[in-house]
Amino acid sequence: MAKLSTKEIIDSISEMTILEVKDLVDAMKEAFGVDPSAVAVAAAPAAAAVEEGPSSVNVVLASAGANKLAVIKLIKDATGLGLGESKAIADNGGVIKENVATDEANELKAKFEEAGATIELK
């Protein structure tokens, strides 16, 4: 019998109905003497520990700082807004981007802080 690759197994399972997958799991339990639910319960606390904070945040300008021109340019580049709208955000503060991935938000925050702005991630 030829050995199936992981991809072939996943492709086969993805074509099954829920009842067929349940039957497969039950057959695997009998054949190997392993209860997959025990493994899932043990893995759950580890997965919870990895998740520390929100996956997306809002990038909010609290203060443009002394170098407002550089901050306006960064706002314009980050948002695609026009010069007038970017200047309004730099003058009054506010949300630069909403629902941004945490990694991207941290990169934006670093760029703005390098230009002298104060950024909050909410």
PDB file of N, CA and C in Angstrom:
ATOM      1  N   MET A   1       0.844  -1.177   0.000  1.00  0.00           N
ATOM      2  CA  MET A   1       0.000   0.000   0.000  1.00  0.00           C
ATOM      3  C   MET A   1       0.890   1.241   0.000  1.00  0.00           C
ATOM      4  N   ALA A   2       0.560   2.188  -0.851  1.00  0.00           N
ATOM      5  CA  ALA A   2       1.349   3.415  -0.952  1.00  0.00           C
ATOM      6  C   ALA A   2       1.046   4.325   0.233  1.00  0.00           C
ATOM      7  N   LYS A   3       2.058   4.993   0.699  1.00  0.00           N
ATOM      8  CA  LYS A   3       1.902   5.921   1.815  1.00  0.00           C
ATOM      9  C   LYS A   3       1.271   7.211   1.292  1.00  0.00           C
ATOM     10  N   LEU A   4       0.230   7.697   1.988  1.00  0.00           N
ATOM     11  CA  LEU A   4      -0.440   8.941   1.607  1.00  0.00           C
ATOM     12  C   LEU A   4       0.270  10.128   2.237  1.00  0.00           C
ATOM     13  N   SER A   5       0.357  11.216   1.506  1.00  0.00           N
ATOM     14  CA  SER A   5       0.959  12.430   2.064  1.00  0.00           C
ATOM     15  C   SER A   5      -0.064  13.131   2.952  1.00  0.00           C
ATOM     16  N   THR A   6       0.412  14.018   3.787  1.00  0.00           N
ATOM     17  CA  THR A   6      -0.472  14.779   4.664  1.00  0.00           C
ATOM     18  C   THR A   6      -1.491  15.560   3.849  1.00  0.00           C
ATOM     19  N   LYS A   7      -1.052  16.137   2.746  1.00  0.00           N
ATOM     20  CA  LYS A   7      -1.961  16.910   1.900  1.00  0.00           C
ATOM     21  C   LYS A   7      -3.074  16.033   1.345  1.00  0.00           C
ATOM     22  N   GLU A   8      -2.715  14.807   0.913  1.00  0.00           N
ATOM     23  CA  GLU A   8      -3.714  13.891   0.375  1.00  0.00           C
ATOM     24  C   GLU A   8      -4.737  13.500   1.441  1.00  0.00           C
ATOM     25  N   ILE A   9      -4.273  13.293   2.651  1.00  0.00           N
ATOM     26  CA  ILE A   9      -5.180  12.949   3.754  1.00  0.00           C
ATOM     27  C   ILE A   9      -6.119  14.122   4.042  1.00  0.00           C
ATOM     28  N   ILE A  10      -5.572  15.325   4.136  1.00  0.00           N
ATOM     29  CA  ILE A  10      -6.388  16.509   4.412  1.00  0.00           C
ATOM     30  C   ILE A  10      -7.398  16.726   3.295  1.00  0.00           C
ATOM     31  N   ASP A  11      -6.966  16.574   2.045  1.00  0.00           N
ATOM     32  CA  ASP A  11      -7.886  16.729   0.916  1.00  0.00           C
ATOM     33  C   ASP A  11      -9.026  15.723   1.011  1.00  0.00           C
ATOM     34  N   SER A  12      -8.715  14.490   1.360  1.00  0.00           N
ATOM     35  CA  SER A  12      -9.745  13.452   1.487  1.00  0.00           C
ATOM     36  C   SER A  12     -10.727  13.786   2.608  1.00  0.00           C
ATOM     37  N   ILE A  13     -10.204  14.217   3.733  1.00  0.00           N
ATOM     38  CA  ILE A  13     -11.064  14.546   4.879  1.00  0.00           C
ATOM     39  C   ILE A  13     -11.939  15.755   4.561  1.00  0.00           C
ATOM     40  N   SER A  14     -11.403  16.722   3.825  1.00  0.00           N
ATOM     41  CA  SER A  14     -12.190  17.923   3.525  1.00  0.00           C
ATOM     42  C   SER A  14     -13.386  17.619   2.620  1.00  0.00           C
ATOM     43  N   GLU A  15     -13.348  16.491   1.915  1.00  0.00           N
ATOM     44  CA  GLU A  15     -14.461  16.094   1.059  1.00  0.00           C
ATOM     45  C   GLU A  15     -15.521  15.286   1.806  1.00  0.00           C
ATOM     46  N   MET A  16     -15.245  14.923   3.055  1.00  0.00           N
ATOM     47  CA  MET A  16     -16.167  14.096   3.839  1.00  0.00           C
ATOM     48  C   MET A  16     -17.265  14.945   4.476  1.00  0.00           C
ATOM     49  N   THR A  17     -18.372  14.276   4.804  1.00  0.00           N
ATOM     50  CA  THR A  17     -19.430  14.927   5.577  1.00  0.00           C
ATOM     51  C   THR A  17     -19.036  14.862   7.046  1.00  0.00           C
ATOM     52  N   ILE A  18     -19.760  15.594   7.874  1.00  0.00           N
ATOM     53  CA  ILE A  18     -19.478  15.591   9.320  1.00  0.00           C
ATOM     54  C   ILE A  18     -19.628  14.172   9.888  1.00  0.00           C
ATOM     55  N   LEU A  19     -20.651  13.464   9.467  1.00  0.00           N
ATOM     56  CA  LEU A  19     -20.862  12.109   9.974  1.00  0.00           C
ATOM     57  C   LEU A  19     -19.733  11.169   9.558  1.00  0.00           C
ATOM     58  N   GLU A  20     -19.226  11.323   8.342  1.00  0.00           N
ATOM     59  CA  GLU A  20     -18.114  10.496   7.895  1.00  0.00           C
ATOM     60  C   GLU A  20     -16.846  10.805   8.693  1.00  0.00           C
ATOM     61  N   VAL A  21     -16.616  12.067   9.027  1.00  0.00           N
ATOM     62  CA  VAL A  21     -15.456  12.443   9.839  1.00  0.00           C
ATOM     63  C   VAL A  21     -15.592  11.870  11.241  1.00  0.00           C
ATOM     64  N   LYS A  22     -16.807  11.915  11.801  1.00  0.00           N
ATOM     65  CA  LYS A  22     -17.028  11.339  13.133  1.00  0.00           C
ATOM     66  C   LYS A  22     -16.742   9.843  13.112  1.00  0.00           C
ATOM     67  N   ASP A  23     -17.225   9.149  12.083  1.00  0.00           N
ATOM     68  CA  ASP A  23     -16.950   7.716  11.961  1.00  0.00           C
ATOM     69  C   ASP A  23     -15.445   7.452  11.854  1.00  0.00           C
ATOM     70  N   LEU A  24     -14.746   8.290  11.103  1.00  0.00           N
ATOM     71  CA  LEU A  24     -13.298   8.154  10.969  1.00  0.00           C
ATOM     72  C   LEU A  24     -12.605   8.319  12.315  1.00  0.00           C
ATOM     73  N   VAL A  25     -13.002   9.322  13.079  1.00  0.00           N
ATOM     74  CA  VAL A  25     -12.402   9.557  14.399  1.00  0.00           C
ATOM     75  C   VAL A  25     -12.676   8.368  15.316  1.00  0.00           C
ATOM     76  N   ASP A  26     -13.910   7.857  15.283  1.00  0.00           N
ATOM     77  CA  ASP A  26     -14.244   6.699  16.117  1.00  0.00           C
ATOM     78  C   ASP A  26     -13.403   5.488  15.727  1.00  0.00           C
ATOM     79  N   ALA A  27     -13.215   5.281  14.421  1.00  0.00           N
ATOM     80  CA  ALA A  27     -12.403   4.151  13.953  1.00  0.00           C
ATOM     81  C   ALA A  27     -10.951   4.315  14.379  1.00  0.00           C
ATOM     82  N   MET A  28     -10.445   5.558  14.343  1.00  0.00           N
ATOM     83  CA  MET A  28      -9.065   5.810  14.775  1.00  0.00           C
ATOM     84  C   MET A  28      -8.917   5.565  16.270  1.00  0.00           C
ATOM     85  N   LYS A  29      -9.957   5.908  17.032  1.00  0.00           N
ATOM     86  CA  LYS A  29      -9.934   5.660  18.473  1.00  0.00           C
ATOM     87  C   LYS A  29      -9.791   4.165  18.751  1.00  0.00           C
ATOM     88  N   GLU A  30     -10.575   3.370  18.033  1.00  0.00           N
ATOM     89  CA  GLU A  30     -10.522   1.924  18.219  1.00  0.00           C
ATOM     90  C   GLU A  30      -9.185   1.350  17.757  1.00  0.00           C
ATOM     91  N   ALA A  31      -8.727   1.786  16.590  1.00  0.00           N
ATOM     92  CA  ALA A  31      -7.513   1.213  16.005  1.00  0.00           C
ATOM     93  C   ALA A  31      -6.261   1.552  16.807  1.00  0.00           C
ATOM     94  N   PHE A  32      -6.179   2.794  17.313  1.00  0.00           N
ATOM     95  CA  PHE A  32      -4.952   3.234  17.972  1.00  0.00           C
ATOM     96  C   PHE A  32      -5.082   3.370  19.487  1.00  0.00           C
ATOM     97  N   GLY A  33      -6.305   3.246  20.008  1.00  0.00           N
ATOM     98  CA  GLY A  33      -6.517   3.350  21.448  1.00  0.00           C
ATOM     99  C   GLY A  33      -6.244   4.737  21.996  1.00  0.00           C
ATOM    100  N   VAL A  34      -6.471   5.762  21.172  1.00  0.00           N
ATOM    101  CA  VAL A  34      -6.207   7.140  21.584  1.00  0.00           C
ATOM    102  C   VAL A  34      -7.509   7.933  21.508  1.00  0.00           C
ATOM    103  N   ASP A  35      -7.767   8.698  22.564  1.00  0.00           N
ATOM    104  CA  ASP A  35      -8.953   9.562  22.570  1.00  0.00           C
ATOM    105  C   ASP A  35      -8.514  10.972  22.198  1.00  0.00           C
ATOM    106  N   PRO A  36      -8.870  11.468  20.981  1.00  0.00           N
ATOM    107  CA  PRO A  36      -8.409  12.786  20.552  1.00  0.00           C
ATOM    108  C   PRO A  36      -8.932  13.920  21.422  1.00  0.00           C
ATOM    109  N   SER A  37     -10.054  13.722  22.103  1.00  0.00           N
ATOM    110  CA  SER A  37     -10.579  14.798  22.945  1.00  0.00           C
ATOM    111  C   SER A  37      -9.668  15.045  24.144  1.00  0.00           C
ATOM    112  N   ALA A  38      -8.977  14.027  24.625  1.00  0.00           N
ATOM    113  CA  ALA A  38      -8.039  14.214  25.741  1.00  0.00           C
ATOM    114  C   ALA A  38      -6.862  15.079  25.302  1.00  0.00           C
ATOM    115  N   VAL A  39      -6.422  14.899  24.079  1.00  0.00           N
ATOM    116  CA  VAL A  39      -5.325  15.708  23.549  1.00  0.00           C
ATOM    117  C   VAL A  39      -5.785  17.148  23.378  1.00  0.00           C
ATOM    118  N   ALA A  40      -7.007  17.343  22.893  1.00  0.00           N
ATOM    119  CA  ALA A  40      -7.539  18.697  22.678  1.00  0.00           C
ATOM    120  C   ALA A  40      -7.673  19.445  23.993  1.00  0.00           C
ATOM    121  N   VAL A  41      -8.110  18.749  25.049  1.00  0.00           N
ATOM    122  CA  VAL A  41      -8.257  19.392  26.356  1.00  0.00           C
ATOM    123  C   VAL A  41      -6.898  19.790  26.906  1.00  0.00           C
ATOM    124  N   ALA A  42      -5.890  18.961  26.721  1.00  0.00           N
ATOM    125  CA  ALA A  42      -4.549  19.270  27.217  1.00  0.00           C
ATOM    126  C   ALA A  42      -3.931  20.423  26.441  1.00  0.00           C
ATOM    127  N   ALA A  43      -4.248  20.543  25.159  1.00  0.00           N
ATOM    128  CA  ALA A  43      -3.666  21.601  24.339  1.00  0.00           C
ATOM    129  C   ALA A  43      -4.349  22.942  24.550  1.00  0.00           C
ATOM    130  N   ALA A  44      -5.571  22.958  25.031  1.00  0.00           N
ATOM    131  CA  ALA A  44      -6.325  24.203  25.187  1.00  0.00           C
ATOM    132  C   ALA A  44      -5.642  25.214  26.118  1.00  0.00           C
ATOM    133  N   PRO A  45      -5.151  24.829  27.299  1.00  0.00           N
ATOM    134  CA  PRO A  45      -4.482  25.823  28.147  1.00  0.00           C
ATOM    135  C   PRO A  45      -3.238  26.414  27.487  1.00  0.00           C
ATOM    136  N   ALA A  46      -2.497  25.622  26.738  1.00  0.00           N
ATOM    137  CA  ALA A  46      -1.309  26.134  26.063  1.00  0.00           C
ATOM    138  C   ALA A  46      -1.700  27.157  25.010  1.00  0.00           C
ATOM    139  N   ALA A  47      -2.765  26.897  24.286  1.00  0.00           N
ATOM    140  CA  ALA A  47      -3.226  27.840  23.265  1.00  0.00           C
ATOM    141  C   ALA A  47      -3.710  29.126  23.912  1.00  0.00           C
ATOM    142  N   ALA A  48      -4.349  29.028  25.049  1.00  0.00           N
ATOM    143  CA  ALA A  48      -4.840  30.219  25.741  1.00  0.00           C
ATOM    144  C   ALA A  48      -3.680  31.083  26.234  1.00  0.00           C
ATOM    145  N   ALA A  49      -2.588  30.460  26.617  1.00  0.00           N
ATOM    146  CA  ALA A  49      -1.433  31.206  27.108  1.00  0.00           C
ATOM    147  C   ALA A  49      -0.765  31.995  25.997  1.00  0.00           C
ATOM    148  N   VAL A  50      -0.822  31.498  24.775  1.00  0.00           N
ATOM    149  CA  VAL A  50      -0.185  32.182  23.656  1.00  0.00           C
ATOM    150  C   VAL A  50      -0.933  33.457  23.306  1.00  0.00           C
ATOM    151  N   GLU A  51      -2.261  33.424  23.418  1.00  0.00           N
ATOM    152  CA  GLU A  51      -3.074  34.570  23.040  1.00  0.00           C
ATOM    153  C   GLU A  51      -3.033  35.612  24.152  1.00  0.00           C
ATOM    154  N   GLU A  52      -2.290  36.682  23.947  1.00  0.00           N
ATOM    155  CA  GLU A  52      -2.090  37.665  25.001  1.00  0.00           C
ATOM    156  C   GLU A  52      -3.004  38.875  24.880  1.00  0.00           C
ATOM    157  N   GLY A  53      -3.239  39.348  23.674  1.00  0.00           N
ATOM    158  CA  GLY A  53      -4.019  40.560  23.510  1.00  0.00           C
ATOM    159  C   GLY A  53      -4.860  40.497  22.265  1.00  0.00           C
ATOM    160  N   PRO A  54      -5.459  41.626  21.934  1.00  0.00           N
ATOM    161  CA  PRO A  54      -6.313  41.649  20.754  1.00  0.00           C
ATOM    162  C   PRO A  54      -5.500  41.450  19.478  1.00  0.00           C
ATOM    163  N   SER A  55      -6.147  40.885  18.469  1.00  0.00           N
ATOM    164  CA  SER A  55      -5.451  40.643  17.211  1.00  0.00           C
ATOM    165  C   SER A  55      -5.464  41.879  16.313  1.00  0.00           C
ATOM    166  N   SER A  56      -6.390  42.806  16.575  1.00  0.00           N
ATOM    167  CA  SER A  56      -6.401  44.044  15.803  1.00  0.00           C
ATOM    168  C   SER A  56      -6.689  45.220  16.731  1.00  0.00           C
ATOM    169  N   VAL A  57      -6.123  46.359  16.384  1.00  0.00           N
ATOM    170  CA  VAL A  57      -6.253  47.559  17.217  1.00  0.00           C
ATOM    171  C   VAL A  57      -6.465  48.775  16.320  1.00  0.00           C
ATOM    172  N   ASN A  58      -6.828  49.873  16.954  1.00  0.00           N
ATOM    173  CA  ASN A  58      -6.922  51.155  16.264  1.00  0.00           C
ATOM    174  C   ASN A  58      -5.659  51.959  16.570  1.00  0.00           C
ATOM    175  N   VAL A  59      -5.108  52.598  15.549  1.00  0.00           N
ATOM    176  CA  VAL A  59      -3.930  53.449  15.721  1.00  0.00           C
ATOM    177  C   VAL A  59      -4.452  54.879  15.852  1.00  0.00           C
ATOM    178  N   VAL A  60      -4.214  55.486  17.025  1.00  0.00           N
ATOM    179  CA  VAL A  60      -4.770  56.802  17.331  1.00  0.00           C
ATOM    180  C   VAL A  60      -3.638  57.792  17.587  1.00  0.00           C
ATOM    181  N   LEU A  61      -3.713  58.944  16.918  1.00  0.00           N
ATOM    182  CA  LEU A  61      -2.731  60.006  17.136  1.00  0.00           C
ATOM    183  C   LEU A  61      -3.170  60.829  18.336  1.00  0.00           C
ATOM    184  N   ALA A  62      -2.355  60.843  19.377  1.00  0.00           N
ATOM    185  CA  ALA A  62      -2.647  61.636  20.560  1.00  0.00           C
ATOM    186  C   ALA A  62      -2.069  63.038  20.406  1.00  0.00           C
ATOM    187  N   SER A  63      -0.872  63.123  19.818  1.00  0.00           N
ATOM    188  CA  SER A  63      -0.215  64.411  19.631  1.00  0.00           C
ATOM    189  C   SER A  63       0.754  64.313  18.465  1.00  0.00           C
ATOM    190  N   ALA A  64       0.771  65.363  17.623  1.00  0.00           N
ATOM    191  CA  ALA A  64       1.668  65.369  16.467  1.00  0.00           C
ATOM    192  C   ALA A  64       3.098  65.721  16.871  1.00  0.00           C
ATOM    193  N   GLY A  65       3.277  66.354  18.004  1.00  0.00           N
ATOM    194  CA  GLY A  65       4.612  66.729  18.448  1.00  0.00           C
ATOM    195  C   GLY A  65       5.136  67.943  17.704  1.00  0.00           C
ATOM    196  N   ALA A  66       6.437  68.174  17.768  1.00  0.00           N
ATOM    197  CA  ALA A  66       7.059  69.368  17.203  1.00  0.00           C
ATOM    198  C   ALA A  66       7.224  69.302  15.689  1.00  0.00           C
ATOM    199  N   ASN A  67       7.399  68.118  15.127  1.00  0.00           N
ATOM    200  CA  ASN A  67       7.648  67.972  13.701  1.00  0.00           C
ATOM    201  C   ASN A  67       6.351  67.599  12.978  1.00  0.00           C
ATOM    202  N   LYS A  68       5.395  68.535  12.991  1.00  0.00           N
ATOM    203  CA  LYS A  68       4.065  68.268  12.460  1.00  0.00           C
ATOM    204  C   LYS A  68       4.083  67.945  10.969  1.00  0.00           C
ATOM    205  N   LEU A  69       4.958  68.560  10.220  1.00  0.00           N
ATOM    206  CA  LEU A  69       5.018  68.334   8.784  1.00  0.00           C
ATOM    207  C   LEU A  69       5.340  66.869   8.462  1.00  0.00           C
ATOM    208  N   ALA A  70       6.292  66.291   9.182  1.00  0.00           N
ATOM    209  CA  ALA A  70       6.645  64.882   8.982  1.00  0.00           C
ATOM    210  C   ALA A  70       5.479  63.974   9.367  1.00  0.00           C
ATOM    211  N   VAL A  71       4.759  64.349  10.422  1.00  0.00           N
ATOM    212  CA  VAL A  71       3.620  63.552  10.878  1.00  0.00           C
ATOM    213  C   VAL A  71       2.491  63.609   9.847  1.00  0.00           C
ATOM    214  N   ILE A  72       2.256  64.781   9.276  1.00  0.00           N
ATOM    215  CA  ILE A  72       1.226  64.917   8.235  1.00  0.00           C
ATOM    216  C   ILE A  72       1.564  64.009   7.057  1.00  0.00           C
ATOM    217  N   LYS A  73       2.825  63.997   6.670  1.00  0.00           N
ATOM    218  CA  LYS A  73       3.262  63.143   5.554  1.00  0.00           C
ATOM    219  C   LYS A  73       3.049  61.673   5.881  1.00  0.00           C
ATOM    220  N   LEU A  74       3.362  61.269   7.108  1.00  0.00           N
ATOM    221  CA  LEU A  74       3.161  59.882   7.516  1.00  0.00           C
ATOM    222  C   LEU A  74       1.674  59.512   7.516  1.00  0.00           C
ATOM    223  N   ILE A  75       0.829  60.430   7.990  1.00  0.00           N
ATOM    224  CA  ILE A  75      -0.618  60.184   7.992  1.00  0.00           C
ATOM    225  C   ILE A  75      -1.102  59.992   6.566  1.00  0.00           C
ATOM    226  N   LYS A  76      -0.643  60.893   5.686  1.00  0.00           N
ATOM    227  CA  LYS A  76      -1.041  60.840   4.281  1.00  0.00           C
ATOM    228  C   LYS A  76      -0.622  59.506   3.653  1.00  0.00           C
ATOM    229  N   ASP A  77       0.595  59.070   3.921  1.00  0.00           N
ATOM    230  CA  ASP A  77       1.106  57.812   3.378  1.00  0.00           C
ATOM    231  C   ASP A  77       0.362  56.602   3.949  1.00  0.00           C
ATOM    232  N   ALA A  78       0.075  56.639   5.253  1.00  0.00           N
ATOM    233  CA  ALA A  78      -0.546  55.490   5.914  1.00  0.00           C
ATOM    234  C   ALA A  78      -2.019  55.326   5.560  1.00  0.00           C
ATOM    235  N   THR A  79      -2.703  56.453   5.312  1.00  0.00           N
ATOM    236  CA  THR A  79      -4.147  56.399   5.116  1.00  0.00           C
ATOM    237  C   THR A  79      -4.594  56.579   3.680  1.00  0.00           C
ATOM    238  N   GLY A  80      -3.779  57.238   2.871  1.00  0.00           N
ATOM    239  CA  GLY A  80      -4.199  57.549   1.511  1.00  0.00           C
ATOM    240  C   GLY A  80      -5.093  58.774   1.457  1.00  0.00           C
ATOM    241  N   LEU A  81      -5.228  59.479   2.578  1.00  0.00           N
ATOM    242  CA  LEU A  81      -6.033  60.701   2.616  1.00  0.00           C
ATOM    243  C   LEU A  81      -5.304  61.833   1.913  1.00  0.00           C
ATOM    244  N   GLY A  82      -6.048  62.880   1.624  1.00  0.00           N
ATOM    245  CA  GLY A  82      -5.449  64.056   1.030  1.00  0.00           C
ATOM    246  C   GLY A  82      -4.698  64.863   2.063  1.00  0.00           C
ATOM    247  N   LEU A  83      -4.037  65.899   1.591  1.00  0.00           N
ATOM    248  CA  LEU A  83      -3.231  66.742   2.466  1.00  0.00           C
ATOM    249  C   LEU A  83      -4.081  67.439   3.530  1.00  0.00           C
ATOM    250  N   GLY A  84      -5.247  67.939   3.140  1.00  0.00           N
ATOM    251  CA  GLY A  84      -6.125  68.647   4.078  1.00  0.00           C
ATOM    252  C   GLY A  84      -6.629  67.749   5.196  1.00  0.00           C
ATOM    253  N   GLU A  85      -7.079  66.550   4.827  1.00  0.00           N
ATOM    254  CA  GLU A  85      -7.574  65.620   5.849  1.00  0.00           C
ATOM    255  C   GLU A  85      -6.442  65.162   6.763  1.00  0.00           C
ATOM    256  N   SER A  86      -5.277  64.940   6.187  1.00  0.00           N
ATOM    257  CA  SER A  86      -4.120  64.521   6.982  1.00  0.00           C
ATOM    258  C   SER A  86      -3.714  65.615   7.964  1.00  0.00           C
ATOM    259  N   LYS A  87      -3.751  66.868   7.524  1.00  0.00           N
ATOM    260  CA  LYS A  87      -3.417  67.992   8.400  1.00  0.00           C
ATOM    261  C   LYS A  87      -4.434  68.113   9.526  1.00  0.00           C
ATOM    262  N   ALA A  88      -5.713  67.879   9.224  1.00  0.00           N
ATOM    263  CA  ALA A  88      -6.754  67.953  10.255  1.00  0.00           C
ATOM    264  C   ALA A  88      -6.523  66.919  11.348  1.00  0.00           C
ATOM    265  N   ILE A  89      -6.128  65.716  10.957  1.00  0.00           N
ATOM    266  CA  ILE A  89      -5.834  64.684  11.964  1.00  0.00           C
ATOM    267  C   ILE A  89      -4.610  65.082  12.775  1.00  0.00           C
ATOM    268  N   ALA A  90      -3.587  65.623  12.116  1.00  0.00           N
ATOM    269  CA  ALA A  90      -2.376  66.051  12.828  1.00  0.00           C
ATOM    270  C   ALA A  90      -2.688  67.181  13.804  1.00  0.00           C
ATOM    271  N   ASP A  91      -3.577  68.111  13.409  1.00  0.00           N
ATOM    272  CA  ASP A  91      -3.930  69.234  14.278  1.00  0.00           C
ATOM    273  C   ASP A  91      -4.793  68.813  15.461  1.00  0.00           C
ATOM    274  N   ASN A  92      -5.770  67.942  15.207  1.00  0.00           N
ATOM    275  CA  ASN A  92      -6.772  67.621  16.225  1.00  0.00           C
ATOM    276  C   ASN A  92      -6.607  66.251  16.863  1.00  0.00           C
ATOM    277  N   GLY A  93      -5.714  65.435  16.321  1.00  0.00           N
ATOM    278  CA  GLY A  93      -5.583  64.072  16.811  1.00  0.00           C
ATOM    279  C   GLY A  93      -6.730  63.228  16.275  1.00  0.00           C
ATOM    280  N   GLY A  94      -6.707  61.961  16.558  1.00  0.00           N
ATOM    281  CA  GLY A  94      -7.773  61.074  16.134  1.00  0.00           C
ATOM    282  C   GLY A  94      -7.241  59.779  15.553  1.00  0.00           C
ATOM    283  N   VAL A  95      -8.176  58.983  15.069  1.00  0.00           N
ATOM    284  CA  VAL A  95      -7.849  57.659  14.547  1.00  0.00           C
ATOM    285  C   VAL A  95      -7.161  57.791  13.191  1.00  0.00           C
ATOM    286  N   ILE A  96      -6.018  57.167  13.086  1.00  0.00           N
ATOM    287  CA  ILE A  96      -5.294  57.133  11.816  1.00  0.00           C
ATOM    288  C   ILE A  96      -5.745  55.916  11.020  1.00  0.00           C
ATOM    289  N   LYS A  97      -5.772  54.757  11.677  1.00  0.00           N
ATOM    290  CA  LYS A  97      -6.236  53.518  11.040  1.00  0.00           C
ATOM    291  C   LYS A  97      -7.022  52.708  12.052  1.00  0.00           C
ATOM    292  N   GLU A  98      -8.085  52.037  11.568  1.00  0.00           N
ATOM    293  CA  GLU A  98      -8.912  51.201  12.428  1.00  0.00           C
ATOM    294  C   GLU A  98      -8.720  49.732  12.088  1.00  0.00           C
ATOM    295  N   ASN A  99      -8.876  48.891  13.100  1.00  0.00           N
ATOM    296  CA  ASN A  99      -8.816  47.435  12.945  1.00  0.00           C
ATOM    297  C   ASN A  99      -7.578  46.977  12.172  1.00  0.00           C
ATOM    298  N   VAL A 100      -6.432  47.407  12.666  1.00  0.00           N
ATOM    299  CA  VAL A 100      -5.157  47.064  12.054  1.00  0.00           C
ATOM    300  C   VAL A 100      -4.556  45.899  12.836  1.00  0.00           C
ATOM    301  N   ALA A 101      -3.909  44.982  12.137  1.00  0.00           N
ATOM    302  CA  ALA A 101      -3.217  43.879  12.804  1.00  0.00           C
ATOM    303  C   ALA A 101      -2.190  44.455  13.780  1.00  0.00           C
ATOM    304  N   THR A 102      -1.998  43.788  14.890  1.00  0.00           N
ATOM    305  CA  THR A 102      -1.119  44.284  15.947  1.00  0.00           C
ATOM    306  C   THR A 102       0.293  44.549  15.446  1.00  0.00           C
ATOM    307  N   ASP A 103       0.819  43.661  14.610  1.00  0.00           N
ATOM    308  CA  ASP A 103       2.180  43.854  14.085  1.00  0.00           C
ATOM    309  C   ASP A 103       2.270  45.121  13.243  1.00  0.00           C
ATOM    310  N   GLU A 104       1.300  45.315  12.350  1.00  0.00           N
ATOM    311  CA  GLU A 104       1.292  46.514  11.499  1.00  0.00           C
ATOM    312  C   GLU A 104       1.123  47.769  12.343  1.00  0.00           C
ATOM    313  N   ALA A 105       0.270  47.683  13.381  1.00  0.00           N
ATOM    314  CA  ALA A 105       0.047  48.828  14.262  1.00  0.00           C
ATOM    315  C   ALA A 105       1.331  49.210  14.989  1.00  0.00           C
ATOM    316  N   ASN A 106       2.088  48.225  15.437  1.00  0.00           N
ATOM    317  CA  ASN A 106       3.355  48.507  16.123  1.00  0.00           C
ATOM    318  C   ASN A 106       4.372  49.142  15.179  1.00  0.00           C
ATOM    319  N   GLU A 107       4.369  48.707  13.902  1.00  0.00           N
ATOM    320  CA  GLU A 107       5.265  49.321  12.912  1.00  0.00           C
ATOM    321  C   GLU A 107       4.888  50.780  12.684  1.00  0.00           C
ATOM    322  N   LEU A 108       3.587  51.039  12.532  1.00  0.00           N
ATOM    323  CA  LEU A 108       3.124  52.426  12.344  1.00  0.00           C
ATOM    324  C   LEU A 108       3.484  53.279  13.555  1.00  0.00           C
ATOM    325  N   LYS A 109       3.261  52.727  14.740  1.00  0.00           N
ATOM    326  CA  LYS A 109       3.562  53.462  15.971  1.00  0.00           C
ATOM    327  C   LYS A 109       5.040  53.847  16.015  1.00  0.00           C
ATOM    328  N   ALA A 110       5.902  52.914  15.648  1.00  0.00           N
ATOM    329  CA  ALA A 110       7.343  53.184  15.660  1.00  0.00           C
ATOM    330  C   ALA A 110       7.695  54.306  14.679  1.00  0.00           C
ATOM    331  N   LYS A 111       7.105  54.273  13.474  1.00  0.00           N
ATOM    332  CA  LYS A 111       7.374  55.320  12.477  1.00  0.00           C
ATOM    333  C   LYS A 111       6.919  56.683  12.984  1.00  0.00           C
ATOM    334  N   PHE A 112       5.716  56.748  13.552  1.00  0.00           N
ATOM    335  CA  PHE A 112       5.190  58.024  14.027  1.00  0.00           C
ATOM    336  C   PHE A 112       5.986  58.538  15.230  1.00  0.00           C
ATOM    337  N   GLU A 113       6.370  57.654  16.126  1.00  0.00           N
ATOM    338  CA  GLU A 113       7.145  58.084  17.292  1.00  0.00           C
ATOM    339  C   GLU A 113       8.532  58.549  16.886  1.00  0.00           C
ATOM    340  N   GLU A 114       9.073  57.954  15.825  1.00  0.00           N
ATOM    341  CA  GLU A 114      10.369  58.406  15.311  1.00  0.00           C
ATOM    342  C   GLU A 114      10.268  59.839  14.789  1.00  0.00           C
ATOM    343  N   ALA A 115       9.091  60.201  14.269  1.00  0.00           N
ATOM    344  CA  ALA A 115       8.861  61.554  13.772  1.00  0.00           C
ATOM    345  C   ALA A 115       8.479  62.519  14.893  1.00  0.00           C
ATOM    346  N   GLY A 116       8.321  62.019  16.117  1.00  0.00           N
ATOM    347  CA  GLY A 116       8.028  62.886  17.260  1.00  0.00           C
ATOM    348  C   GLY A 116       6.585  62.880  17.709  1.00  0.00           C
ATOM    349  N   ALA A 117       5.746  62.062  17.079  1.00  0.00           N
ATOM    350  CA  ALA A 117       4.322  62.011  17.448  1.00  0.00           C
ATOM    351  C   ALA A 117       4.101  61.066  18.623  1.00  0.00           C
ATOM    352  N   THR A 118       2.961  61.234  19.285  1.00  0.00           N
ATOM    353  CA  THR A 118       2.539  60.346  20.347  1.00  0.00           C
ATOM    354  C   THR A 118       1.377  59.518  19.822  1.00  0.00           C
ATOM    355  N   ILE A 119       1.538  58.204  19.822  1.00  0.00           N
ATOM    356  CA  ILE A 119       0.538  57.284  19.267  1.00  0.00           C
ATOM    357  C   ILE A 119       0.027  56.368  20.364  1.00  0.00           C
ATOM    358  N   GLU A 120      -1.278  56.110  20.332  1.00  0.00           N
ATOM    359  CA  GLU A 120      -1.893  55.156  21.241  1.00  0.00           C
ATOM    360  C   GLU A 120      -2.494  54.026  20.412  1.00  0.00           C
ATOM    361  N   LEU A 121      -2.369  52.811  20.905  1.00  0.00           N
ATOM    362  CA  LEU A 121      -2.997  51.662  20.259  1.00  0.00           C
ATOM    363  C   LEU A 121      -4.173  51.251  21.148  1.00  0.00           C
ATOM    364  N   LYS A 122      -5.354  51.351  20.594  1.00  0.00           N
ATOM    365  CA  LYS A 122      -6.563  51.039  21.384  1.00  0.00           C
ATOM    366  C   LYS A 122      -7.334  49.918  20.750  1.00  0.00           C
TER     367      LYS A 122
END
